[in-house]
């Protein structure tokens, strides 16, 4: 853990976590704040290599606390192709946010 007292900021005055969170919130305005946090972590750790399965796993971690009986709380490869595709816009938003941070 970095214990530095200085916080690096982007040209917008936000640190890198705030920037990714803001980007994702802008792209996914109906997304819960806690879920955005999971997606921000994917942007930081997997960047543009984030997969649909990663997105589903992040969603599942969030969903288990909000609706533990949700029928899609199963492994990604057990979902129908149609349900798997529902994660695509979230994956694309994560890719875009990660690309912006990498370019900064």
N, C-alpha and C. Protein backbone atom coordinates (compact mmCIF):
# COMPACT_ATOMS: atom_id res chain seq x y z
N UNK A 1 0.84 -1.17 0.00
CA UNK A 1 0.00 0.00 0.00
C UNK A 1 0.89 1.24 0.00
N UNK A 2 0.55 2.19 -0.81
CA UNK A 2 1.29 3.43 -0.90
C UNK A 2 0.85 4.34 0.24
N UNK A 3 1.80 4.79 1.05
CA UNK A 3 1.45 5.65 2.19
C UNK A 3 1.88 7.08 1.95
N UNK A 4 2.19 7.42 0.72
CA UNK A 4 2.61 8.77 0.38
C UNK A 4 1.50 9.76 0.73
N UNK A 5 1.91 10.95 1.17
CA UNK A 5 0.93 11.97 1.51
C UNK A 5 0.52 12.78 0.29
N UNK A 6 1.24 12.61 -0.81
CA UNK A 6 0.89 13.31 -2.04
C UNK A 6 -0.05 12.45 -2.87
N UNK A 7 -1.00 13.07 -3.48
CA UNK A 7 -1.92 12.38 -4.37
C UNK A 7 -1.74 12.94 -5.76
N UNK A 8 -1.34 12.08 -6.69
CA UNK A 8 -1.19 12.52 -8.07
C UNK A 8 -2.56 12.73 -8.68
N UNK A 9 -2.69 13.77 -9.43
CA UNK A 9 -3.97 14.05 -10.07
C UNK A 9 -3.79 14.14 -11.58
N UNK A 10 -4.89 13.97 -12.26
CA UNK A 10 -4.92 14.12 -13.71
C UNK A 10 -5.11 15.60 -14.03
N UNK A 11 -5.06 15.97 -15.31
CA UNK A 11 -5.30 17.37 -15.66
C UNK A 11 -6.67 17.88 -15.20
N UNK A 12 -7.61 16.99 -14.94
CA UNK A 12 -8.93 17.42 -14.48
C UNK A 12 -8.95 17.67 -12.98
N UNK A 13 -7.83 17.40 -12.30
CA UNK A 13 -7.76 17.59 -10.85
C UNK A 13 -8.20 16.37 -10.07
N UNK A 14 -8.52 15.29 -10.77
CA UNK A 14 -8.94 14.06 -10.11
C UNK A 14 -7.78 13.08 -10.07
N UNK A 15 -7.73 12.24 -9.04
CA UNK A 15 -6.73 11.18 -9.07
C UNK A 15 -7.21 10.09 -10.03
N UNK A 16 -6.35 9.14 -10.31
CA UNK A 16 -6.66 8.14 -11.34
C UNK A 16 -7.89 7.30 -11.01
N UNK A 17 -8.12 7.01 -9.75
CA UNK A 17 -9.30 6.23 -9.37
C UNK A 17 -10.56 7.06 -9.58
N UNK A 18 -10.51 8.30 -9.17
CA UNK A 18 -11.66 9.18 -9.37
C UNK A 18 -11.95 9.38 -10.86
N UNK A 19 -10.89 9.47 -11.66
CA UNK A 19 -11.07 9.67 -13.10
C UNK A 19 -11.77 8.46 -13.73
N UNK A 20 -11.30 7.26 -13.40
CA UNK A 20 -11.93 6.06 -13.95
C UNK A 20 -13.37 5.94 -13.47
N UNK A 21 -13.60 6.21 -12.20
CA UNK A 21 -14.95 6.14 -11.65
C UNK A 21 -15.86 7.14 -12.34
N UNK A 22 -15.36 8.35 -12.54
CA UNK A 22 -16.18 9.36 -13.22
C UNK A 22 -16.47 8.95 -14.66
N UNK A 23 -15.45 8.45 -15.36
CA UNK A 23 -15.66 8.00 -16.74
C UNK A 23 -16.72 6.91 -16.81
N UNK A 24 -16.62 5.93 -15.93
CA UNK A 24 -17.58 4.83 -15.94
C UNK A 24 -18.98 5.30 -15.57
N UNK A 25 -19.07 6.19 -14.61
CA UNK A 25 -20.37 6.73 -14.20
C UNK A 25 -21.02 7.50 -15.34
N UNK A 26 -20.20 8.22 -16.10
CA UNK A 26 -20.71 8.96 -17.26
C UNK A 26 -21.22 8.00 -18.34
N UNK A 27 -20.45 6.94 -18.58
CA UNK A 27 -20.83 5.98 -19.62
C UNK A 27 -21.96 5.06 -19.20
N UNK A 28 -22.06 4.82 -17.89
CA UNK A 28 -23.05 3.87 -17.36
C UNK A 28 -23.89 4.57 -16.28
N UNK A 29 -24.68 5.57 -16.66
CA UNK A 29 -25.36 6.40 -15.67
C UNK A 29 -26.36 5.67 -14.78
N UNK A 30 -26.88 4.54 -15.20
CA UNK A 30 -27.85 3.82 -14.40
C UNK A 30 -27.21 2.76 -13.50
N UNK A 31 -25.89 2.72 -13.50
CA UNK A 31 -25.16 1.68 -12.76
C UNK A 31 -24.99 2.10 -11.30
N UNK A 32 -25.20 1.17 -10.39
CA UNK A 32 -25.03 1.39 -8.97
C UNK A 32 -23.58 1.79 -8.66
N UNK A 33 -23.40 2.69 -7.72
CA UNK A 33 -22.07 3.19 -7.35
C UNK A 33 -21.13 2.06 -6.93
N UNK A 34 -21.63 1.11 -6.18
CA UNK A 34 -20.78 0.00 -5.75
C UNK A 34 -20.35 -0.88 -6.94
N UNK A 35 -21.25 -1.08 -7.88
CA UNK A 35 -20.91 -1.85 -9.07
C UNK A 35 -19.88 -1.09 -9.91
N UNK A 36 -20.02 0.22 -10.00
CA UNK A 36 -19.02 1.04 -10.70
C UNK A 36 -17.64 0.81 -10.08
N UNK A 37 -17.59 0.69 -8.76
CA UNK A 37 -16.32 0.43 -8.09
C UNK A 37 -15.69 -0.88 -8.54
N UNK A 38 -16.49 -1.91 -8.68
CA UNK A 38 -15.97 -3.19 -9.17
C UNK A 38 -15.48 -3.05 -10.62
N UNK A 39 -16.23 -2.32 -11.43
CA UNK A 39 -15.84 -2.12 -12.82
C UNK A 39 -14.56 -1.27 -12.91
N UNK A 40 -14.43 -0.30 -12.02
CA UNK A 40 -13.20 0.50 -11.99
C UNK A 40 -12.00 -0.38 -11.66
N UNK A 41 -12.18 -1.31 -10.75
CA UNK A 41 -11.10 -2.24 -10.42
C UNK A 41 -10.71 -3.07 -11.64
N UNK A 42 -11.69 -3.51 -12.40
CA UNK A 42 -11.38 -4.25 -13.64
C UNK A 42 -10.60 -3.37 -14.62
N UNK A 43 -11.00 -2.12 -14.74
CA UNK A 43 -10.29 -1.20 -15.64
C UNK A 43 -8.83 -1.05 -15.21
N UNK A 44 -8.61 -1.00 -13.91
CA UNK A 44 -7.25 -0.83 -13.38
C UNK A 44 -6.42 -2.10 -13.46
N UNK A 45 -7.03 -3.23 -13.25
CA UNK A 45 -6.26 -4.48 -13.16
C UNK A 45 -6.18 -5.24 -14.48
N UNK A 46 -7.22 -5.15 -15.30
CA UNK A 46 -7.24 -5.87 -16.57
C UNK A 46 -7.24 -4.93 -17.77
N UNK A 47 -7.63 -3.69 -17.55
CA UNK A 47 -7.63 -2.70 -18.63
C UNK A 47 -8.42 -3.17 -19.83
N UNK A 48 -7.83 -3.01 -21.00
CA UNK A 48 -8.51 -3.37 -22.24
C UNK A 48 -8.54 -4.87 -22.47
N UNK A 49 -7.94 -5.63 -21.57
CA UNK A 49 -8.02 -7.09 -21.65
C UNK A 49 -9.20 -7.65 -20.83
N UNK A 50 -10.00 -6.76 -20.25
CA UNK A 50 -11.18 -7.20 -19.51
C UNK A 50 -12.11 -7.97 -20.44
N UNK A 51 -12.58 -9.11 -19.97
CA UNK A 51 -13.45 -9.96 -20.78
C UNK A 51 -14.90 -9.88 -20.28
N UNK A 52 -15.78 -10.45 -21.07
CA UNK A 52 -17.18 -10.55 -20.63
C UNK A 52 -17.28 -11.35 -19.34
N UNK A 53 -16.47 -12.37 -19.21
CA UNK A 53 -16.49 -13.18 -17.99
C UNK A 53 -16.05 -12.37 -16.78
N UNK A 54 -15.04 -11.52 -16.94
CA UNK A 54 -14.62 -10.65 -15.84
C UNK A 54 -15.78 -9.75 -15.40
N UNK A 55 -16.46 -9.18 -16.39
CA UNK A 55 -17.58 -8.28 -16.09
C UNK A 55 -18.68 -9.04 -15.34
N UNK A 56 -18.98 -10.23 -15.81
CA UNK A 56 -20.01 -11.03 -15.13
C UNK A 56 -19.60 -11.33 -13.69
N UNK A 57 -18.34 -11.70 -13.49
CA UNK A 57 -17.88 -12.02 -12.13
C UNK A 57 -17.98 -10.81 -11.22
N UNK A 58 -17.61 -9.63 -11.73
CA UNK A 58 -17.73 -8.40 -10.93
C UNK A 58 -19.19 -8.13 -10.60
N UNK A 59 -20.05 -8.27 -11.61
CA UNK A 59 -21.49 -8.09 -11.39
C UNK A 59 -22.00 -9.07 -10.34
N UNK A 60 -21.56 -10.33 -10.41
CA UNK A 60 -22.01 -11.36 -9.47
C UNK A 60 -21.60 -11.01 -8.03
N UNK A 61 -20.38 -10.50 -7.87
CA UNK A 61 -19.93 -10.09 -6.53
C UNK A 61 -20.82 -8.98 -5.96
N UNK A 62 -21.23 -8.07 -6.84
CA UNK A 62 -22.13 -7.00 -6.40
C UNK A 62 -23.55 -7.54 -6.18
N UNK A 63 -24.05 -8.32 -7.12
CA UNK A 63 -25.43 -8.79 -7.07
C UNK A 63 -25.71 -9.68 -5.86
N UNK A 64 -24.71 -10.44 -5.44
CA UNK A 64 -24.92 -11.35 -4.30
C UNK A 64 -25.34 -10.57 -3.05
N UNK A 65 -24.93 -9.31 -2.96
CA UNK A 65 -25.30 -8.51 -1.79
C UNK A 65 -26.63 -7.79 -1.97
N UNK A 66 -27.11 -7.69 -3.20
CA UNK A 66 -28.35 -6.97 -3.44
C UNK A 66 -29.53 -7.88 -3.76
N UNK A 67 -29.24 -9.04 -4.35
CA UNK A 67 -30.29 -10.01 -4.65
C UNK A 67 -29.67 -11.41 -4.77
N UNK A 68 -29.42 -12.03 -3.63
CA UNK A 68 -28.70 -13.31 -3.63
C UNK A 68 -29.42 -14.46 -4.33
N UNK A 69 -30.69 -14.29 -4.64
CA UNK A 69 -31.43 -15.36 -5.32
C UNK A 69 -31.54 -15.11 -6.84
N UNK A 70 -30.77 -14.17 -7.36
CA UNK A 70 -30.85 -13.84 -8.79
C UNK A 70 -30.50 -15.07 -9.62
N UNK A 71 -31.29 -15.38 -10.64
CA UNK A 71 -31.06 -16.61 -11.42
C UNK A 71 -29.76 -16.60 -12.23
N UNK A 72 -29.17 -15.44 -12.46
CA UNK A 72 -27.93 -15.38 -13.25
C UNK A 72 -26.67 -15.44 -12.38
N UNK A 73 -26.83 -15.74 -11.11
CA UNK A 73 -25.67 -15.94 -10.24
C UNK A 73 -25.15 -17.36 -10.42
N UNK A 74 -24.66 -17.59 -11.63
CA UNK A 74 -24.07 -18.86 -12.01
C UNK A 74 -22.78 -18.55 -12.78
N UNK A 75 -21.96 -19.55 -13.00
CA UNK A 75 -20.74 -19.33 -13.76
C UNK A 75 -21.05 -18.79 -15.15
N UNK A 76 -20.17 -17.94 -15.65
CA UNK A 76 -20.37 -17.30 -16.94
C UNK A 76 -20.65 -18.30 -18.05
N UNK A 77 -19.88 -19.38 -18.10
CA UNK A 77 -20.06 -20.34 -19.19
C UNK A 77 -21.36 -21.14 -19.10
N UNK A 78 -22.09 -20.99 -17.99
CA UNK A 78 -23.39 -21.63 -17.86
C UNK A 78 -24.54 -20.71 -18.29
N UNK A 79 -24.22 -19.44 -18.54
CA UNK A 79 -25.23 -18.49 -19.01
C UNK A 79 -25.53 -18.74 -20.48
N UNK A 80 -26.70 -18.40 -20.91
CA UNK A 80 -27.01 -18.48 -22.34
C UNK A 80 -26.18 -17.42 -23.07
N UNK A 81 -25.90 -17.63 -24.34
CA UNK A 81 -25.16 -16.62 -25.11
C UNK A 81 -25.83 -15.24 -25.07
N UNK A 82 -27.15 -15.23 -25.07
CA UNK A 82 -27.88 -13.96 -25.02
C UNK A 82 -27.62 -13.21 -23.71
N UNK A 83 -27.61 -13.93 -22.62
CA UNK A 83 -27.35 -13.31 -21.31
C UNK A 83 -25.89 -12.88 -21.22
N UNK A 84 -24.99 -13.68 -21.75
CA UNK A 84 -23.57 -13.31 -21.76
C UNK A 84 -23.37 -11.98 -22.49
N UNK A 85 -24.09 -11.80 -23.57
CA UNK A 85 -23.94 -10.57 -24.37
C UNK A 85 -24.43 -9.32 -23.64
N UNK A 86 -25.26 -9.48 -22.62
CA UNK A 86 -25.73 -8.32 -21.86
C UNK A 86 -24.57 -7.59 -21.18
N UNK A 87 -23.45 -8.27 -20.98
CA UNK A 87 -22.29 -7.66 -20.33
C UNK A 87 -21.43 -6.84 -21.30
N UNK A 88 -21.69 -6.94 -22.59
CA UNK A 88 -20.83 -6.27 -23.58
C UNK A 88 -20.75 -4.75 -23.40
N UNK A 89 -21.86 -4.02 -23.22
CA UNK A 89 -21.72 -2.56 -23.06
C UNK A 89 -20.88 -2.18 -21.84
N UNK A 90 -20.95 -2.99 -20.80
CA UNK A 90 -20.16 -2.72 -19.60
C UNK A 90 -18.67 -2.98 -19.87
N UNK A 91 -18.40 -4.06 -20.59
CA UNK A 91 -17.02 -4.36 -20.96
C UNK A 91 -16.45 -3.24 -21.84
N UNK A 92 -17.23 -2.78 -22.79
CA UNK A 92 -16.77 -1.71 -23.67
C UNK A 92 -16.51 -0.41 -22.89
N UNK A 93 -17.36 -0.11 -21.93
CA UNK A 93 -17.15 1.08 -21.09
C UNK A 93 -15.87 0.94 -20.28
N UNK A 94 -15.61 -0.24 -19.76
CA UNK A 94 -14.38 -0.49 -19.00
C UNK A 94 -13.17 -0.32 -19.92
N UNK A 95 -13.23 -0.86 -21.13
CA UNK A 95 -12.13 -0.71 -22.09
C UNK A 95 -11.86 0.77 -22.37
N UNK A 96 -12.92 1.53 -22.59
CA UNK A 96 -12.76 2.95 -22.91
C UNK A 96 -12.17 3.72 -21.73
N UNK A 97 -12.64 3.45 -20.53
CA UNK A 97 -12.11 4.13 -19.34
C UNK A 97 -10.63 3.78 -19.14
N UNK A 98 -10.29 2.53 -19.33
CA UNK A 98 -8.90 2.09 -19.17
C UNK A 98 -8.00 2.75 -20.22
N UNK A 99 -8.49 2.87 -21.43
CA UNK A 99 -7.71 3.50 -22.49
C UNK A 99 -7.45 4.97 -22.20
N UNK A 100 -8.43 5.67 -21.66
CA UNK A 100 -8.24 7.07 -21.32
C UNK A 100 -7.21 7.25 -20.22
N UNK A 101 -7.23 6.38 -19.23
CA UNK A 101 -6.25 6.48 -18.15
C UNK A 101 -4.85 6.16 -18.68
N UNK A 102 -4.76 5.15 -19.53
CA UNK A 102 -3.46 4.76 -20.09
C UNK A 102 -2.87 5.90 -20.95
N UNK A 103 -3.74 6.65 -21.61
CA UNK A 103 -3.28 7.73 -22.48
C UNK A 103 -2.92 8.99 -21.71
N UNK A 104 -3.36 9.07 -20.47
CA UNK A 104 -3.12 10.29 -19.67
C UNK A 104 -1.69 10.42 -19.22
